Protein backbone atom coordinates (compact mmCIF):
# COMPACT_ATOMS: atom_id res chain seq x y z
CA UNK A 1 124.07 -71.30 -38.85
CA UNK A 2 121.70 -72.86 -36.39
CA UNK A 3 121.77 -69.79 -34.23
CA UNK A 4 120.98 -67.60 -37.17
CA UNK A 5 118.18 -69.95 -38.13
CA UNK A 6 116.78 -69.78 -34.62
CA UNK A 7 117.12 -65.97 -34.66
CA UNK A 8 115.35 -65.79 -37.99
CA UNK A 9 112.52 -67.88 -36.57
CA UNK A 10 112.42 -65.66 -33.51
CA UNK A 11 112.37 -62.58 -35.71
CA UNK A 12 109.56 -64.06 -37.81
CA UNK A 13 107.51 -64.86 -34.72
CA UNK A 14 108.27 -61.46 -33.26
CA UNK A 15 107.22 -59.74 -36.47
CA UNK A 16 104.05 -61.82 -36.57
CA UNK A 17 103.32 -60.85 -32.99
CA UNK A 18 104.03 -57.18 -33.65
CA UNK A 19 101.89 -57.16 -36.82
CA UNK A 20 99.12 -58.92 -34.96
CA UNK A 21 99.23 -56.36 -32.17
CA UNK A 22 99.28 -53.52 -34.71
CA UNK A 23 96.25 -54.96 -36.47
CA UNK A 24 94.53 -55.31 -33.14
CA UNK A 25 95.61 -51.75 -32.38
CA UNK A 26 93.91 -50.50 -35.54
CA UNK A 27 90.73 -52.33 -34.63
CA UNK A 28 90.93 -51.18 -31.02
CA UNK A 29 91.38 -47.54 -32.05
CA UNK A 30 88.34 -47.77 -34.34
CA UNK A 31 86.26 -49.48 -31.68
CA UNK A 32 87.37 -47.00 -29.04
CA UNK A 33 86.63 -44.12 -31.39
CA UNK A 34 83.21 -45.54 -32.17
CA UNK A 35 82.54 -46.15 -28.47
CA UNK A 36 83.57 -42.61 -27.53
CA UNK A 37 81.39 -41.15 -30.27
CA UNK A 38 78.42 -43.29 -29.16
CA UNK A 39 78.96 -42.33 -25.53
CA UNK A 40 79.08 -38.64 -26.37
CA UNK A 41 76.11 -39.09 -28.70
CA UNK A 42 73.99 -40.68 -25.94
CA UNK A 43 74.99 -37.93 -23.53
CA UNK A 44 74.16 -35.30 -26.14
CA UNK A 45 70.75 -36.84 -26.79
CA UNK A 46 70.03 -36.86 -23.07
CA UNK A 47 71.13 -33.23 -22.73
CA UNK A 48 69.09 -32.26 -25.81
CA UNK A 49 65.95 -33.97 -24.49
CA UNK A 50 66.39 -32.33 -21.12
CA UNK A 51 66.89 -28.85 -22.58
CA UNK A 52 64.00 -29.29 -25.03
CA UNK A 53 61.67 -30.36 -22.24
CA UNK A 54 62.90 -27.81 -19.74
CA UNK A 55 63.17 -24.80 -22.08
CA UNK A 56 60.52 -22.22 -21.23
CA UNK A 57 58.83 -21.32 -24.52
CA UNK A 58 56.68 -18.69 -22.85
CA UNK A 59 59.65 -16.34 -22.62
CA UNK A 60 59.30 -13.72 -25.35
CA UNK A 61 62.20 -11.35 -24.73
CA UNK A 62 65.47 -12.03 -26.53
CA UNK A 63 67.55 -11.21 -23.45
CA UNK A 64 65.77 -13.66 -21.19
CA UNK A 65 65.91 -16.37 -23.81
CA UNK A 66 69.63 -15.74 -24.38
CA UNK A 67 70.24 -15.92 -20.63
CA UNK A 68 68.37 -19.19 -20.49
CA UNK A 69 70.53 -20.63 -23.30
CA UNK A 70 73.70 -19.42 -21.55
CA UNK A 71 72.60 -21.11 -18.37
CA UNK A 72 72.16 -24.45 -20.15
CA UNK A 73 75.52 -24.00 -21.89
CA UNK A 74 77.22 -23.38 -18.54
CA UNK A 75 75.50 -26.37 -16.92
CA UNK A 76 76.24 -28.84 -19.70
CA UNK A 77 79.25 -29.35 -22.02
CA UNK A 78 77.25 -28.06 -24.98
CA UNK A 79 76.59 -25.03 -27.15
CA UNK A 80 73.10 -24.14 -28.31
CA UNK A 81 71.52 -22.45 -31.31
CA UNK A 82 67.86 -21.46 -31.17
CA UNK A 83 66.60 -20.85 -34.69
CA UNK A 84 63.30 -19.16 -35.60
CA UNK A 85 62.12 -20.23 -39.02
CA UNK A 86 59.76 -17.38 -39.88
CA UNK A 87 62.05 -14.49 -38.98
CA UNK A 88 65.22 -16.55 -39.64
CA UNK A 89 66.67 -15.12 -36.47
CA UNK A 90 68.79 -17.17 -34.15
CA UNK A 91 70.36 -17.11 -30.70
CA UNK A 92 73.53 -19.00 -29.84
CA UNK A 93 76.10 -19.58 -27.10
CA UNK A 94 79.22 -19.74 -29.32
CA UNK A 95 82.18 -17.48 -28.61
CA UNK A 96 83.88 -15.35 -31.23
CA UNK A 97 86.52 -17.97 -32.00
CA UNK A 98 83.88 -20.44 -33.15
CA UNK A 99 82.17 -18.39 -35.87
CA UNK A 100 83.17 -20.87 -38.59
CA UNK A 101 81.39 -23.71 -36.84
CA UNK A 102 78.41 -21.46 -36.14
CA UNK A 103 78.11 -20.36 -39.77
CA UNK A 104 78.32 -23.92 -41.00
CA UNK A 105 75.59 -24.99 -38.59
CA UNK A 106 73.37 -22.08 -39.65
CA UNK A 107 73.94 -22.83 -43.35
CA UNK A 108 73.16 -26.54 -42.99
CA UNK A 109 70.15 -25.85 -40.64
CA UNK A 110 70.04 -29.53 -39.56
CA UNK A 111 66.32 -30.07 -40.15
CA UNK A 112 66.53 -33.81 -39.35
CA UNK A 113 66.79 -35.07 -35.77
CA UNK A 114 69.66 -37.45 -36.49
CA UNK A 115 72.96 -36.93 -34.72
CA UNK A 116 75.66 -35.56 -37.04
CA UNK A 117 79.43 -35.37 -36.60
CA UNK A 118 80.73 -31.96 -37.65
CA UNK A 119 84.38 -30.94 -37.18
CA UNK A 120 84.89 -33.35 -34.24
CA UNK A 121 81.67 -32.08 -32.66
CA UNK A 122 78.31 -33.83 -32.47
CA UNK A 123 75.20 -31.94 -33.55
CA UNK A 124 71.66 -32.80 -32.40
CA UNK A 125 68.49 -30.86 -33.20
CA UNK A 126 64.87 -30.80 -32.00
CA UNK A 127 61.71 -29.08 -33.19
CA UNK A 128 60.28 -27.21 -30.22
CA UNK A 129 57.22 -26.06 -32.16
CA UNK A 130 56.29 -24.94 -35.65
CA UNK A 131 58.45 -21.80 -35.33
CA UNK A 132 61.40 -22.72 -33.13
CA UNK A 133 64.11 -25.31 -33.69
CA UNK A 134 66.80 -26.08 -31.15
CA UNK A 135 70.28 -27.19 -32.27
CA UNK A 136 72.60 -28.58 -29.58
CA UNK A 137 76.35 -28.94 -30.29
CA UNK A 138 78.67 -30.91 -28.02
CA UNK A 139 82.11 -29.78 -27.05
CA UNK A 140 84.91 -30.98 -29.28
CA UNK A 141 85.37 -34.72 -28.96
CA UNK A 142 88.83 -35.89 -27.86
CA UNK A 143 89.19 -38.12 -30.91
CA UNK A 144 92.65 -36.95 -31.97
CA UNK A 145 94.01 -37.18 -28.47
CA UNK A 146 92.39 -40.59 -28.13
CA UNK A 147 93.93 -41.83 -31.39
CA UNK A 148 97.39 -40.50 -30.48
CA UNK A 149 97.25 -42.04 -27.01
CA UNK A 150 95.92 -45.35 -28.20
CA UNK A 151 98.47 -45.64 -31.01
CA UNK A 152 101.28 -44.90 -28.57
CA UNK A 153 99.97 -47.63 -26.33
CA UNK A 154 99.58 -50.03 -29.25
CA UNK A 155 103.15 -49.48 -30.46
CA UNK A 156 104.56 -49.95 -26.98
CA UNK A 157 102.47 -53.03 -26.39
CA UNK A 158 103.46 -54.48 -29.75
CA UNK A 159 107.12 -54.11 -28.81
CA UNK A 160 106.56 -55.66 -25.40
CA UNK A 161 104.49 -58.47 -26.79
CA UNK A 162 107.14 -59.11 -29.41
CA UNK A 163 109.66 -59.90 -26.66
CA UNK A 164 107.38 -62.25 -24.77
CA UNK A 165 105.15 -63.73 -27.47
CA UNK A 166 107.26 -66.84 -27.94
CA UNK A 167 107.92 -67.69 -24.32
CA UNK A 168 104.78 -66.61 -22.54
CA UNK A 169 102.06 -66.37 -25.20
CA UNK A 170 100.27 -69.60 -24.51
CA UNK A 171 100.58 -69.33 -20.76
CA UNK A 172 99.38 -65.73 -20.78
CA UNK A 173 96.34 -66.67 -22.86
CA UNK A 174 95.39 -69.63 -20.70
CA UNK A 175 95.93 -68.00 -17.35
CA UNK A 176 94.58 -64.51 -17.98
CA UNK A 177 92.72 -63.97 -21.24
CA UNK A 178 90.27 -66.82 -20.86
CA UNK A 179 89.39 -66.09 -17.20
CA UNK A 180 88.95 -62.40 -17.95
CA UNK A 181 86.60 -63.22 -20.79
CA UNK A 182 84.63 -65.41 -18.43
CA UNK A 183 84.54 -62.58 -15.94
CA UNK A 184 83.41 -60.17 -18.66
CA UNK A 185 80.66 -62.51 -19.80
CA UNK A 186 79.52 -63.00 -16.22
CA UNK A 187 79.53 -59.24 -15.64
CA UNK A 188 77.38 -58.74 -18.75
CA UNK A 189 74.93 -61.35 -17.54
CA UNK A 190 74.77 -59.56 -14.20
CA UNK A 191 74.14 -56.30 -16.03
CA UNK A 192 71.32 -58.00 -17.95
CA UNK A 193 69.68 -59.07 -14.68
CA UNK A 194 70.85 -62.68 -14.43
CA UNK A 195 72.12 -62.65 -10.85
CA UNK A 196 72.56 -66.42 -10.78
CA UNK A 197 75.55 -66.21 -13.15
CA UNK A 198 78.87 -67.40 -11.64
CA UNK A 199 82.53 -67.88 -12.71
CA UNK A 200 83.75 -71.47 -12.38
CA UNK A 201 87.24 -73.01 -12.59
CA UNK A 202 89.01 -69.76 -11.70
CA UNK A 203 92.85 -70.01 -11.81
CA UNK A 204 95.25 -68.84 -9.17
CA UNK A 205 96.50 -65.31 -8.66
CA UNK A 206 94.83 -61.97 -9.25
CA UNK A 207 92.39 -63.40 -11.82
CA UNK A 208 91.17 -65.79 -9.14
CA UNK A 209 90.57 -62.82 -6.82
CA UNK A 210 88.64 -61.09 -9.62
CA UNK A 211 86.49 -64.17 -10.16
CA UNK A 212 85.81 -64.51 -6.46
CA UNK A 213 84.91 -60.80 -6.24
CA UNK A 214 82.51 -61.07 -9.16
CA UNK A 215 80.93 -64.18 -7.67
CA UNK A 216 80.57 -62.40 -4.32
CA UNK A 217 79.08 -59.39 -6.10
CA UNK A 218 76.63 -61.67 -7.91
CA UNK A 219 75.54 -63.29 -4.65
CA UNK A 220 75.06 -59.91 -2.99
CA UNK A 221 73.11 -58.58 -5.97
CA UNK A 222 70.92 -61.68 -5.94
CA UNK A 223 70.28 -61.29 -2.22
CA UNK A 224 69.56 -57.55 -2.48
CA UNK A 225 67.27 -58.05 -5.47
CA UNK A 226 65.41 -60.83 -3.69
CA UNK A 227 64.92 -58.68 -0.60
CA UNK A 228 63.81 -55.75 -2.73
CA UNK A 229 61.31 -57.88 -4.61
CA UNK A 230 59.97 -59.38 -1.40
CA UNK A 231 59.67 -55.96 0.19
CA UNK A 232 58.05 -54.56 -2.96
CA UNK A 233 55.64 -57.48 -3.10
CA UNK A 234 54.73 -57.03 0.57
CA UNK A 235 54.17 -53.31 0.04
CA UNK A 236 52.01 -53.94 -3.02
CA UNK A 237 50.07 -56.61 -1.14
CA UNK A 238 49.43 -54.31 1.82
CA UNK A 239 48.53 -51.31 -0.34
CA UNK A 240 46.27 -53.23 -2.73
CA UNK A 241 44.49 -55.06 0.09
CA UNK A 242 43.64 -51.86 1.92
CA UNK A 243 39.91 -51.20 1.93
CA UNK A 244 40.64 -47.49 1.61
CA UNK A 245 41.79 -45.97 -1.66
CA UNK A 246 45.34 -44.62 -1.72
CA UNK A 247 46.91 -42.20 -4.20
CA UNK A 248 50.37 -40.60 -4.19
CA UNK A 249 51.18 -37.65 -6.47
CA UNK A 250 54.65 -36.14 -6.82
CA UNK A 251 55.58 -32.48 -7.11
CA UNK A 252 55.11 -32.57 -10.90
CA UNK A 253 51.52 -33.77 -10.65
CA UNK A 254 52.36 -37.32 -11.77
CA UNK A 255 50.79 -40.28 -10.01
CA UNK A 256 53.48 -42.41 -8.36
CA UNK A 257 51.29 -44.88 -6.46
CA UNK A 258 47.63 -45.90 -6.69
CA UNK A 259 46.08 -49.02 -5.18
CA UNK A 260 43.26 -51.08 -6.64
CA UNK A 261 40.37 -49.59 -4.57
CA UNK A 262 41.29 -46.09 -5.76
CA UNK A 263 41.62 -47.12 -9.43
CA UNK A 264 38.36 -49.06 -9.24
CA UNK A 265 36.32 -46.15 -7.88
CA UNK A 266 37.88 -43.06 -9.46
CA UNK A 267 39.11 -44.04 -12.92
CA UNK A 268 38.29 -46.40 -15.78
CA UNK A 269 41.94 -47.18 -16.53
CA UNK A 270 43.72 -50.26 -15.24
CA UNK A 271 46.94 -48.43 -14.38
CA UNK A 272 47.48 -44.72 -13.80
CA UNK A 273 51.04 -44.68 -12.45
CA UNK A 274 53.17 -42.16 -14.32
CA UNK A 275 50.17 -40.22 -15.65
CA UNK A 276 49.13 -36.65 -14.80
CA UNK A 277 46.44 -36.88 -12.15
CA UNK A 278 43.80 -34.73 -13.87
CA UNK A 279 44.08 -36.82 -17.06
CA UNK A 280 43.14 -40.06 -15.34
CA UNK A 281 40.94 -39.05 -12.36
CA UNK A 282 37.41 -38.59 -13.65
CA UNK A 283 35.80 -37.15 -10.51
CA UNK A 284 35.71 -33.35 -10.86
CA UNK A 285 35.25 -32.73 -7.12
CA UNK A 286 38.37 -34.74 -6.30
CA UNK A 287 40.35 -33.05 -9.08
CA UNK A 288 39.38 -29.61 -7.77
CA UNK A 289 40.36 -30.62 -4.23
CA UNK A 290 43.74 -31.92 -5.46
CA UNK A 291 44.37 -28.70 -7.33
CA UNK A 292 43.54 -26.68 -4.20
CA UNK A 293 45.91 -28.73 -2.01
CA UNK A 294 48.70 -28.47 -4.61
CA UNK A 295 48.43 -24.69 -4.87
CA UNK A 296 47.61 -23.92 -1.22
CA UNK A 297 49.89 -26.65 0.27
CA UNK A 298 47.52 -27.37 3.13
CA UNK A 299 45.40 -30.31 4.24
CA UNK A 300 41.84 -30.80 3.09
CA UNK A 301 38.99 -33.14 3.98
CA UNK A 302 35.78 -33.61 2.03
CA UNK A 303 33.08 -36.10 1.09
CA UNK A 304 33.02 -37.24 -2.55
CA UNK A 305 30.22 -39.08 -4.36
CA UNK A 306 31.20 -41.26 -7.33
CA UNK A 307 29.19 -41.98 -10.45
CA UNK A 308 28.34 -45.41 -9.01
CA UNK A 309 26.59 -43.74 -6.06
CA UNK A 310 29.30 -44.58 -3.51
CA UNK A 311 30.41 -42.07 -0.90
CA UNK A 312 34.02 -41.53 0.20
CA UNK A 313 35.53 -39.52 3.00
CA UNK A 314 38.66 -38.13 1.32
CA UNK A 315 41.73 -36.84 3.18
CA UNK A 316 44.33 -34.90 1.21
CA UNK A 317 47.62 -33.82 2.71
CA UNK A 318 50.79 -32.29 1.22
CA UNK A 319 54.02 -34.29 1.55
CA UNK A 320 57.15 -32.49 2.80
CA UNK A 321 60.67 -33.76 3.29
CA UNK A 322 62.98 -33.00 6.22
CA UNK A 323 63.77 -29.60 4.72
CA UNK A 324 60.03 -28.76 4.60
CA UNK A 325 60.17 -28.81 0.80
CA UNK A 326 56.89 -29.71 -0.87
CA UNK A 327 57.22 -33.09 -2.60
CA UNK A 328 53.65 -34.01 -3.54
CA UNK A 329 50.22 -34.98 -2.21
CA UNK A 330 48.91 -38.12 -0.55
CA UNK A 331 45.21 -38.94 -0.86
CA UNK A 332 43.35 -41.46 1.33
CA UNK A 333 39.73 -42.34 0.51
CA UNK A 334 37.58 -44.15 3.09
CA UNK A 335 34.41 -45.78 1.78
CA UNK A 336 31.52 -44.45 3.89
CA UNK A 337 28.73 -45.68 1.63
CA UNK A 338 27.35 -48.00 4.31
CA UNK A 339 27.51 -45.21 6.88
CA UNK A 340 25.60 -42.93 4.51
CA UNK A 341 23.06 -45.66 3.93
CA UNK A 342 22.66 -46.14 7.69
CA UNK A 343 22.20 -42.40 8.12
CA UNK A 344 19.52 -42.41 5.44
CA UNK A 345 17.85 -45.42 7.06
CA UNK A 346 17.92 -43.65 10.42
CA UNK A 347 16.43 -40.50 8.95
CA UNK A 348 13.74 -42.48 7.14
CA UNK A 349 13.03 -44.46 10.29
CA UNK A 350 12.59 -41.34 12.42
CA UNK A 351 10.40 -39.75 9.75
CA UNK A 352 8.26 -42.87 9.36
CA UNK A 353 7.87 -43.42 13.10
CA UNK A 354 6.89 -39.80 13.57
CA UNK A 355 4.35 -40.05 10.75
CA UNK A 356 2.93 -43.38 11.95
CA UNK A 357 2.56 -42.09 15.53
CA UNK A 358 1.16 -38.74 14.52
CA UNK A 359 -1.67 -40.21 12.42
CA UNK A 360 -3.52 -42.16 15.19
CA UNK A 361 -2.70 -39.55 17.84
CA UNK A 362 -4.11 -36.79 15.65
CA UNK A 363 -7.25 -38.87 15.02
CA UNK A 364 -7.73 -39.58 18.71
CA UNK A 365 -7.09 -35.97 19.64
CA UNK A 366 -9.65 -34.78 17.10
CA UNK A 367 -12.40 -37.03 18.43
CA UNK A 368 -11.58 -36.15 22.06
CA UNK A 369 -11.78 -32.44 21.29
CA UNK A 370 -15.09 -33.02 19.51
CA UNK A 371 -16.53 -34.88 22.52
CA UNK A 372 -15.27 -32.21 24.94
CA UNK A 373 -16.50 -29.18 23.03
CA UNK A 374 -19.47 -28.81 25.42
CA UNK A 375 -22.19 -29.69 22.91
CA UNK A 376 -24.68 -32.50 23.35
CA UNK A 377 -23.91 -35.42 21.05
CA UNK A 378 -26.08 -38.25 19.92
CA UNK A 379 -25.29 -41.49 21.73
CA UNK A 380 -24.70 -43.32 18.45
CA UNK A 381 -22.19 -40.68 17.35
CA UNK A 382 -20.41 -40.93 20.69
CA UNK A 383 -20.18 -44.73 20.36
CA UNK A 384 -18.93 -44.36 16.80
CA UNK A 385 -16.24 -41.95 17.95
CA UNK A 386 -15.27 -44.26 20.81
CA UNK A 387 -15.03 -47.26 18.46
CA UNK A 388 -12.75 -45.29 16.15
CA UNK A 389 -10.66 -44.12 19.11
CA UNK A 390 -10.44 -47.71 20.33
CA UNK A 391 -9.32 -48.86 16.88
CA UNK A 392 -6.67 -46.12 16.65
CA UNK A 393 -5.51 -46.87 20.20
CA UNK A 394 -5.08 -50.56 19.36
CA UNK A 395 -3.24 -49.65 16.17
CA UNK A 396 -0.98 -47.32 18.15
CA UNK A 397 -0.34 -50.02 20.73
CA UNK A 398 0.43 -52.57 17.99
CA UNK A 399 2.86 -50.14 16.34
CA UNK A 400 4.69 -49.55 19.63
CA UNK A 401 4.76 -53.29 20.35
CA UNK A 402 6.18 -54.01 16.87
CA UNK A 403 8.83 -51.34 17.39
CA UNK A 404 9.77 -52.88 20.74
CA UNK A 405 9.94 -56.36 19.18
CA UNK A 406 12.08 -55.08 16.32
CA UNK A 407 14.38 -53.24 18.73
CA UNK A 408 14.74 -56.35 20.89
CA UNK A 409 15.60 -58.59 17.94
CA UNK A 410 18.18 -56.12 16.58
CA UNK A 411 20.12 -55.86 19.84
CA UNK A 412 23.63 -57.31 19.84
CA UNK A 413 22.95 -59.23 23.04
CA UNK A 414 19.69 -60.72 21.74
CA UNK A 415 19.56 -64.48 22.31
CA UNK A 416 17.10 -67.10 21.17
CA UNK A 417 15.44 -69.58 23.52
CA UNK A 418 15.50 -72.66 21.34
CA UNK A 419 13.31 -75.66 22.16
CA UNK A 420 11.86 -78.65 20.32
CA UNK A 421 8.19 -78.35 19.42
CA UNK A 422 5.76 -79.94 16.99
CA UNK A 423 5.23 -78.01 13.78
CA UNK A 424 1.59 -79.18 13.52
CA UNK A 425 0.70 -77.81 16.98
CA UNK A 426 2.22 -74.43 16.07
CA UNK A 427 0.30 -74.19 12.80
CA UNK A 428 -3.00 -75.31 14.37
CA UNK A 429 -2.68 -72.78 17.18
CA UNK A 430 -2.00 -69.90 14.78
CA UNK A 431 -4.80 -71.05 12.46
CA UNK A 432 -7.29 -70.79 15.33
CA UNK A 433 -6.11 -67.21 15.97
CA UNK A 434 -6.72 -66.08 12.36
CA UNK A 435 -9.73 -68.31 11.66
CA UNK A 436 -12.27 -65.50 12.18
CA UNK A 437 -10.34 -63.25 9.76
CA UNK A 438 -10.39 -66.05 7.19
CA UNK A 439 -14.13 -66.46 7.59
CA UNK A 440 -14.80 -62.72 7.36
CA UNK A 441 -13.12 -62.61 3.92
CA UNK A 442 -14.36 -66.07 2.88
CA UNK A 443 -10.79 -67.27 2.35
CA UNK A 444 -9.90 -70.95 2.14
CA UNK A 445 -6.77 -72.10 3.94
CA UNK A 446 -4.88 -75.34 3.37
CA UNK A 447 -2.16 -76.33 5.85
CA UNK A 448 0.14 -79.23 4.91
CA UNK A 449 2.60 -80.27 7.64
CA UNK A 450 5.00 -83.20 7.39
CA UNK A 451 3.97 -85.95 9.81
CA UNK A 452 5.83 -85.91 13.12
CA UNK A 453 7.95 -82.90 12.15
CA UNK A 454 9.80 -81.44 15.13
CA UNK A 455 11.26 -77.94 14.95
CA UNK A 456 14.27 -76.78 16.94
CA UNK A 457 13.91 -73.01 17.26
CA UNK A 458 12.62 -70.19 19.47
CA UNK A 459 8.91 -71.04 19.71
CA UNK A 460 7.70 -67.52 20.49
CA UNK A 461 9.68 -65.94 17.67
CA UNK A 462 8.62 -68.59 15.11
CA UNK A 463 5.05 -68.12 16.33
CA UNK A 464 5.40 -64.38 15.70
CA UNK A 465 6.97 -65.05 12.28
CA UNK A 466 4.20 -67.40 11.11
CA UNK A 467 1.45 -65.13 12.48
CA UNK A 468 2.88 -62.10 10.65
CA UNK A 469 3.12 -64.01 7.35
CA UNK A 470 -0.40 -65.44 7.83
CA UNK A 471 -1.88 -62.02 8.68
CA UNK A 472 -0.08 -60.41 5.76
CA UNK A 473 -1.46 -63.01 3.33
CA UNK A 474 -5.02 -62.51 4.67
CA UNK A 475 -4.67 -58.75 4.43
CA UNK A 476 -3.62 -58.71 0.77
CA UNK A 477 -5.74 -61.60 -0.57
CA UNK A 478 -9.13 -60.60 -2.01
CA UNK A 479 -12.35 -62.24 -0.81
CA UNK A 480 -12.79 -65.79 -2.00
CA UNK A 481 -9.04 -66.28 -2.41
CA UNK A 482 -6.89 -69.15 -1.20
CA UNK A 483 -3.94 -69.42 1.20
CA UNK A 484 -1.76 -72.53 1.35
CA UNK A 485 0.87 -73.50 3.94
CA UNK A 486 3.47 -76.22 3.38
CA UNK A 487 5.83 -77.14 6.23
CA UNK A 488 8.53 -79.79 5.66
CA UNK A 489 12.12 -80.79 6.44
CA UNK A 490 14.55 -80.52 3.51
CA UNK A 491 18.36 -80.76 3.57
CA UNK A 492 18.60 -79.98 7.26
CA UNK A 493 16.24 -76.98 7.05
CA UNK A 494 12.64 -76.65 8.20
CA UNK A 495 10.91 -74.89 5.31
CA UNK A 496 7.82 -72.81 6.08
CA UNK A 497 6.22 -71.90 2.76
CA UNK A 498 3.09 -69.77 2.42
CA UNK A 499 1.38 -69.11 -0.92
CA UNK A 500 -1.62 -66.91 -1.60
CA UNK A 501 -3.70 -65.77 -4.54
CA UNK A 502 -3.50 -62.13 -3.49
CA UNK A 503 -2.70 -58.92 -5.31
CA UNK A 504 0.99 -59.79 -5.62
CA UNK A 505 4.01 -57.49 -5.32
CA UNK A 506 5.32 -55.38 -8.24
CA UNK A 507 8.87 -56.11 -9.40
CA UNK A 508 10.01 -52.63 -8.39
CA UNK A 509 8.90 -53.20 -4.78
CA UNK A 510 10.20 -56.74 -4.20
CA UNK A 511 13.68 -55.54 -3.26
CA UNK A 512 12.31 -53.26 -0.52
CA UNK A 513 9.43 -55.32 0.83
CA UNK A 514 11.36 -56.26 4.01
CA UNK A 515 12.27 -52.65 4.88
CA UNK A 516 10.74 -50.93 7.89
CA UNK A 517 7.43 -49.13 7.18
CA UNK A 518 7.55 -50.05 3.49
CA UNK A 519 4.08 -50.79 2.12
CA UNK A 520 3.11 -51.82 -1.38
CA UNK A 521 -0.40 -50.40 -0.86
CA UNK A 522 -0.29 -47.57 1.69
CA UNK A 523 -4.09 -47.04 1.90
CA UNK A 524 -5.00 -50.72 2.24
CA UNK A 525 -2.37 -51.21 4.96
CA UNK A 526 -3.59 -48.32 7.09
CA UNK A 527 -7.26 -49.27 6.65
CA UNK A 528 -6.56 -52.78 7.93
CA UNK A 529 -4.42 -51.55 10.82
CA UNK A 530 -1.07 -52.58 9.38
CA UNK A 531 2.09 -50.97 10.79
CA UNK A 532 4.48 -51.73 7.92
CA UNK A 533 6.82 -53.59 10.31
CA UNK A 534 5.53 -57.16 9.99
CA UNK A 535 7.80 -58.38 7.21
CA UNK A 536 10.78 -56.50 8.66
CA UNK A 537 10.26 -58.40 11.94
CA UNK A 538 10.01 -61.65 9.96
CA UNK A 539 13.31 -60.95 8.23
CA UNK A 540 15.13 -60.20 11.50
CA UNK A 541 13.73 -63.34 13.17
CA UNK A 542 14.99 -65.42 10.23
CA UNK A 543 18.44 -63.78 10.43
CA UNK A 544 18.56 -64.39 14.19
CA UNK A 545 18.03 -68.11 13.46
CA UNK A 546 20.76 -67.93 10.76
CA UNK A 547 18.14 -68.90 8.19
CA UNK A 548 17.08 -67.74 4.75
CA UNK A 549 13.98 -66.11 3.30
CA UNK A 550 12.95 -66.19 -0.37
CA UNK A 551 10.23 -64.24 -2.15
CA UNK A 552 8.45 -65.07 -5.40
CA UNK A 553 5.61 -62.86 -6.54
CA UNK A 554 3.78 -61.81 -9.66
CA UNK A 555 1.53 -58.79 -9.65
CA UNK A 556 -2.13 -59.83 -9.81
CA UNK A 557 -1.30 -63.56 -9.41
CA UNK A 558 -0.17 -63.95 -5.82
CA UNK A 559 2.89 -64.31 -3.62
CA UNK A 560 4.99 -67.18 -2.25
CA UNK A 561 7.34 -66.66 0.70
CA UNK A 562 9.65 -69.46 1.84
CA UNK A 563 11.41 -69.36 5.21
CA UNK A 564 14.24 -71.85 5.87
CA UNK A 565 15.31 -72.44 9.49
CA UNK A 566 18.48 -74.57 10.03
CA UNK A 567 18.12 -77.49 12.43
CA UNK A 568 21.67 -77.73 13.79
CA UNK A 569 21.79 -78.49 17.51
């Protein structure tokens, strides 16, 4: 009786185990079926999107369009129906044995873009335009075969589990099920990007090997990802810190790489990666050059001006792989704005020098020709001509001397001869030089120098600087005006400040007042013998001393110029 009782208990437990496995089998079959359908559905959506994007709608002949559909049907496990709404005509890739499925698809039309299961086949549709609709049908899903196979496996497993459920159930669960679940969870975390996930407390045997393999895989993935991120960060750092703009376009015309200098100068968008180049690049000249390189597949070099007034030397070159297949275009843009500005300065300088030299030489030549024409001239006229020639000769000599001084100061090997000297002696000496000019225009001059102030600088150059500023103030201050000097030591700088009650400088001219040959009043400057180089020489002397120069002026009220010379020894 006890044996029968034990057998009954064993039978009950076996039946429970079998029923449990069968229930699990039902769930597993449904899950597997659902998974298979989802997998085929995702594949079908991908194939549909690809065909919809790749399908050439410009083909108008039925034969060519049919051939195109057949090609997609041969390349993918799908059948296609291309339906034209207006004419209600359609093209398809079904064979004669599938007319029932075809007719049902045509009758239902599938106007929505949701995936539908029809006779063990998935159906997906897309609107290509207002006239054409594409219907894509997968091959028959292996659902029946899957169900038969899975049920066979479930029945067999239920029988096997029934034999071992009592003796090995708990041990099997503890030693295999739990570790495998941990491994599965860890694998999911790895798939989600958490490469720090690990399996702990792995048991012995094959499950232990699996855990160790997954842990090793996680460490390798973490290391590879870290290296990739570091390499990507270094590449981004190098590319974005390049002074030159860089753009990379693939064979489809999409931007794959663009650094910050390029985005800053050629587009208003913050990021253009993944966009078609002509939709984001606003410079028409650059767009035309890109189009030429793409179609001609040859290098091109040109100069491009942006809306901001910057100039770029642009190099465009096609990219080819080892098989000489065209893969895109690389664009490198070098900023040559400063070079252009230097070229313009050089051109202006040559033009101004030529003009300034030609004016006195032409005047002198005219008077010489007049005196040598063979006619008798009145002595007073001759003296007048000679005085004018003398004045023009002195002006010409002063211009040449200023040019030589400016050239000397601008040389790379120019050095200052710094010494200590009294600021009061310098100002008194220069005041004596310009005193007659002050008296001729009835100007009052006030010089305020800090007691005992010693200046450490190049005496000759500071002398030239102060004399130029003094002469400039006298030249542009009307009769009866006032000029005031203030020399002091502030915050480690000797400040030489000159203020006048002259004509002042217009706002539009204050930014250019220190340029070579720039004059606020061209006629007044030439009448007084000015060369237009005085303030430019002042600026370069200040820069040679590593100092600063500030300008404050109001038209009709006067001008104040402050020069600061550092006193580091």
